[in-house]
Amino acid sequence: MAVKIRLRRMGQKKAPFYRIIVADARSPRDGRFVEEIGTYDPSKDPSEFHVNEEAAKKWLANGAQPTEQVSKIFKIAGIIK
């Protein structure tokens, strides 16, 4: 099973709020997921995010692939180099 760390869109129209989740690569964007490991709010200035570092490192060590946007968040948070 290919596992990805990606964003799940939440919130109202024109006011997006995202949760950082671990999900099977075949599931839809807002579908089933394995675990929620953080949040990302791009509407605030500057953008605000919270990540559970232990859970993120555990999933990365087990082979989960982050998407491009999640990789940027992880780099800012200092989880990956």
Protein backbone atom coordinates (compact mmCIF):
# COMPACT_ATOMS: atom_id res chain seq x y z
CA MET A 1 0.00 0.00 0.00
CA ALA A 2 1.45 3.37 -1.07
CA VAL A 3 1.01 5.94 1.68
CA LYS A 4 1.11 9.72 1.18
CA ILE A 5 1.21 12.63 3.59
CA ARG A 6 -1.05 15.29 2.10
CA LEU A 7 -3.54 18.07 2.77
CA ARG A 8 -7.26 17.56 3.35
CA ARG A 9 -9.39 20.64 2.61
CA MET A 10 -11.78 21.82 5.29
CA GLY A 11 -13.59 25.10 5.95
CA GLN A 12 -16.11 27.19 4.08
CA LYS A 13 -16.13 28.48 0.53
CA LYS A 14 -13.30 30.96 -0.05
CA ALA A 15 -11.98 30.29 3.48
CA PRO A 16 -9.89 27.13 3.18
CA PHE A 17 -8.38 25.37 6.17
CA TYR A 18 -6.32 22.22 5.74
CA ARG A 19 -5.50 19.21 7.87
CA ILE A 20 -2.24 17.35 7.26
CA ILE A 21 -3.15 13.67 7.00
CA VAL A 22 -1.60 10.32 6.22
CA ALA A 23 -3.69 8.47 3.63
CA ASP A 24 -3.57 5.70 1.06
CA ALA A 25 -2.48 7.18 -2.27
CA ARG A 26 -5.58 5.74 -3.98
CA SER A 27 -8.14 7.43 -1.70
CA PRO A 28 -9.71 10.76 -2.77
CA ARG A 29 -8.48 14.12 -1.41
CA ASP A 30 -11.16 14.42 1.28
CA GLY A 31 -11.82 10.70 1.66
CA ARG A 32 -10.61 8.09 4.13
CA PHE A 33 -7.34 8.62 5.94
CA VAL A 34 -5.13 6.73 8.37
CA GLU A 35 -4.06 9.48 10.78
CA GLU A 36 -4.23 13.26 11.19
CA ILE A 37 -0.82 14.72 12.07
CA GLY A 38 -1.33 18.49 11.83
CA THR A 39 -3.11 21.56 10.50
CA TYR A 40 -2.35 24.35 8.01
CA ASP A 41 -4.17 27.68 7.73
CA PRO A 42 -3.07 29.76 4.70
CA SER A 43 -5.65 32.51 5.27
CA LYS A 44 -3.77 33.98 8.24
CA ASP A 45 -0.85 36.35 7.71
CA PRO A 46 1.68 34.79 8.00
CA SER A 47 0.39 31.29 7.26
CA GLU A 48 -0.05 29.21 10.40
CA PHE A 49 0.66 25.51 10.79
CA HIS A 50 0.96 22.96 13.60
CA VAL A 51 2.60 19.58 13.05
CA ASN A 52 3.00 16.61 15.39
CA GLU A 53 6.73 16.07 14.79
CA GLU A 54 6.91 12.59 16.30
CA ALA A 55 4.08 11.27 14.14
CA ALA A 56 5.47 12.93 11.00
CA LYS A 57 8.95 11.47 11.55
CA LYS A 58 7.46 8.03 12.24
CA TRP A 59 5.50 8.04 8.97
CA LEU A 60 8.45 9.36 6.96
CA ALA A 61 10.65 6.61 8.42
CA ASN A 62 8.02 4.02 7.40
CA GLY A 63 8.13 5.20 3.77
CA ALA A 64 5.26 7.68 3.48
CA GLN A 65 5.80 10.20 0.67
CA PRO A 66 4.84 13.84 1.39
CA THR A 67 3.28 15.95 -1.36
CA GLU A 68 5.03 19.08 -2.59
CA GLN A 69 3.13 21.49 -0.32
CA VAL A 70 3.52 19.25 2.74
CA SER A 71 7.27 18.98 2.02
CA LYS A 72 7.52 22.78 2.14
CA ILE A 73 5.67 22.87 5.47
CA PHE A 74 7.95 20.15 6.87
CA LYS A 75 11.06 22.06 5.76
CA ILE A 76 9.85 25.24 7.50
CA ALA A 77 9.03 23.22 10.63
CA GLY A 78 12.48 21.58 10.53
CA ILE A 79 11.21 18.01 10.19
CA ILE A 80 13.05 17.31 6.93
CA LYS A 81 16.11 18.99 5.48
